[in-house]
């Protein structure tokens, strides 16, 4: 079943904080960090959530108002019990629809093969690697998407 994708609102803040903690553990954003993201919604942030009632996934975009500036996927997550159900793909489709004609960058842990596979399926290509970027010395893979002209 296709989840409802919608823009996040202030009422979603507690659910997003909890889901982020569930998905990212010690590297989860704090409540203060999430509050800062919500304060920037009208400026350069887009937060999309999947699910009606229970939030089962989200994506956070840095979407600068100047159209030549690069868009960044800052965060994307799906509740562990809902992974491999297409929710991540639906979130990515909705996110990229907001980025028409722009270049999009993201970074992902080199060991996160399922995420890398998802991004490649959407046309992202590896453009760089940050050696030892993550806490345990793991590399970050930098990927880029450009809408086909």
Protein backbone atom coordinates (compact mmCIF):
# COMPACT_ATOMS: atom_id res chain seq x y z
CA UNK A 1 0.00 0.00 0.00
CA UNK A 2 1.36 3.41 -0.98
CA UNK A 3 1.87 5.64 2.07
CA UNK A 4 0.55 9.19 2.18
CA UNK A 5 3.40 11.66 1.69
CA UNK A 6 2.83 15.14 3.05
CA UNK A 7 4.67 18.17 4.33
CA UNK A 8 5.54 17.92 8.00
CA UNK A 9 3.83 20.21 10.46
CA UNK A 10 4.59 21.25 14.03
CA UNK A 11 2.47 18.39 15.39
CA UNK A 12 4.89 15.93 13.75
CA UNK A 13 7.89 17.10 15.78
CA UNK A 14 7.64 14.51 18.61
CA UNK A 15 7.14 11.65 16.13
CA UNK A 16 10.12 12.77 14.04
CA UNK A 17 12.38 13.05 17.08
CA UNK A 18 11.35 9.54 18.19
CA UNK A 19 11.73 8.03 14.71
CA UNK A 20 15.12 9.66 14.23
CA UNK A 21 16.30 8.22 17.55
CA UNK A 22 14.98 4.79 16.60
CA UNK A 23 16.75 4.87 13.23
CA UNK A 24 19.99 6.65 14.11
CA UNK A 25 20.53 5.96 17.83
CA UNK A 26 23.50 7.92 19.17
CA UNK A 27 23.80 10.02 15.99
CA UNK A 28 20.14 11.08 16.05
CA UNK A 29 19.37 14.77 15.93
CA UNK A 30 18.36 16.30 19.26
CA UNK A 31 14.95 17.85 19.87
CA UNK A 32 16.66 21.24 19.64
CA UNK A 33 18.13 20.36 16.24
CA UNK A 34 14.73 19.21 14.97
CA UNK A 35 13.13 22.39 16.32
CA UNK A 36 15.72 24.41 14.39
CA UNK A 37 14.80 22.49 11.22
CA UNK A 38 11.13 23.35 11.71
CA UNK A 39 11.99 27.01 12.24
CA UNK A 40 13.66 27.03 8.81
CA UNK A 41 10.71 25.47 6.94
CA UNK A 42 9.67 28.72 5.29
CA UNK A 43 13.26 29.65 4.42
CA UNK A 44 15.18 26.69 3.02
CA UNK A 45 13.94 23.44 4.56
CA UNK A 46 11.43 20.92 3.32
CA UNK A 47 10.44 18.06 5.60
CA UNK A 48 8.21 15.40 4.10
CA UNK A 49 6.71 12.59 6.15
CA UNK A 50 5.19 9.26 5.16
CA UNK A 51 2.15 7.92 6.93
CA UNK A 52 -1.19 8.96 8.23
CA UNK A 53 -1.33 9.05 11.98
CA UNK A 54 1.88 7.11 12.68
CA UNK A 55 4.86 8.67 10.91
CA UNK A 56 6.76 5.77 9.32
CA UNK A 57 9.35 7.74 7.38
CA UNK A 58 10.68 11.17 6.60
CA UNK A 59 13.07 13.08 4.37
CA UNK A 60 14.68 16.45 5.14
CA UNK A 61 15.88 18.66 2.29
CA UNK A 62 18.02 21.78 2.32
CA UNK A 63 16.37 23.57 -0.59
CA UNK A 64 17.99 26.98 -1.07
CA UNK A 65 15.69 29.62 -2.58
CA UNK A 66 18.25 30.44 -5.30
CA UNK A 67 17.57 27.88 -8.00
CA UNK A 68 21.18 27.52 -9.15
CA UNK A 69 22.24 26.45 -5.65
CA UNK A 70 22.63 22.75 -4.91
CA UNK A 71 19.91 20.93 -2.95
CA UNK A 72 21.01 18.58 -0.19
CA UNK A 73 19.22 15.55 1.20
CA UNK A 74 20.09 16.05 4.86
CA UNK A 75 18.29 13.06 6.32
CA UNK A 76 16.04 10.23 5.22
CA UNK A 77 14.75 7.40 7.36
CA UNK A 78 12.09 4.72 7.43
CA UNK A 79 10.88 2.89 10.54
CA UNK A 80 12.78 -0.45 10.64
CA UNK A 81 9.58 -2.53 10.56
CA UNK A 82 8.49 -0.68 7.39
CA UNK A 83 11.72 -0.96 5.41
CA UNK A 84 11.73 -2.70 2.04
CA UNK A 85 8.07 -1.79 1.52
CA UNK A 86 8.67 1.07 -0.94
CA UNK A 87 8.28 3.90 1.57
CA UNK A 88 11.85 5.12 1.03
CA UNK A 89 11.23 5.19 -2.70
CA UNK A 90 8.01 7.14 -2.30
CA UNK A 91 9.77 9.65 -0.06
CA UNK A 92 12.61 10.02 -2.56
CA UNK A 93 10.16 10.46 -5.45
CA UNK A 94 8.34 13.22 -3.56
CA UNK A 95 11.61 14.87 -2.55
CA UNK A 96 13.06 14.87 -6.07
CA UNK A 97 9.80 16.26 -7.45
CA UNK A 98 10.57 19.37 -5.39
CA UNK A 99 14.02 19.62 -7.01
CA UNK A 100 13.10 19.90 -10.69
CA UNK A 101 15.99 21.24 -12.75
CA UNK A 102 18.39 21.30 -9.80
CA UNK A 103 21.40 19.30 -8.70
CA UNK A 104 20.93 17.25 -5.52
CA UNK A 105 23.70 15.97 -3.26
CA UNK A 106 23.67 13.52 -0.39
CA UNK A 107 26.12 11.53 1.68
CA UNK A 108 25.70 7.98 2.90
CA UNK A 109 27.80 5.53 4.89
CA UNK A 110 29.74 3.28 2.51
CA UNK A 111 28.38 0.19 4.28
CA UNK A 112 24.74 1.22 3.82
CA UNK A 113 24.26 -0.86 0.69
CA UNK A 114 20.46 -0.75 0.74
CA UNK A 115 20.44 3.06 0.79
CA UNK A 116 23.10 3.27 -1.91
CA UNK A 117 21.03 0.89 -4.03
CA UNK A 118 17.94 3.08 -3.55
CA UNK A 119 19.83 6.21 -4.51
CA UNK A 120 21.35 4.57 -7.59
CA UNK A 121 17.87 3.42 -8.66
CA UNK A 122 16.90 7.10 -8.69
CA UNK A 123 19.90 8.04 -10.81
CA UNK A 124 22.32 9.23 -8.12
CA UNK A 125 25.98 8.71 -8.98
CA UNK A 126 28.96 8.56 -6.66
CA UNK A 127 31.12 11.65 -7.13
CA UNK A 128 33.39 11.53 -4.11
CA UNK A 129 34.32 9.71 -0.94
CA UNK A 130 35.25 11.10 2.47
CA UNK A 131 37.68 8.67 4.05
CA UNK A 132 37.06 7.91 7.73
CA UNK A 133 34.24 10.46 7.94
CA UNK A 134 32.01 8.56 10.33
CA UNK A 135 32.80 7.76 13.96
CA UNK A 136 34.20 4.26 13.51
CA UNK A 137 36.41 5.37 10.63
CA UNK A 138 33.82 4.48 8.01
CA UNK A 139 33.87 6.31 4.70
CA UNK A 140 31.07 8.57 3.52
CA UNK A 141 30.03 8.25 -0.11
CA UNK A 142 28.97 11.53 -1.73
CA UNK A 143 26.35 11.10 -4.43
CA UNK A 144 24.83 13.51 -6.95
CA UNK A 145 21.55 13.55 -8.86
CA UNK A 146 20.81 15.74 -11.82
CA UNK A 147 17.45 15.70 -13.47
CA UNK A 148 17.75 14.52 -17.04
CA UNK A 149 17.22 17.39 -19.39
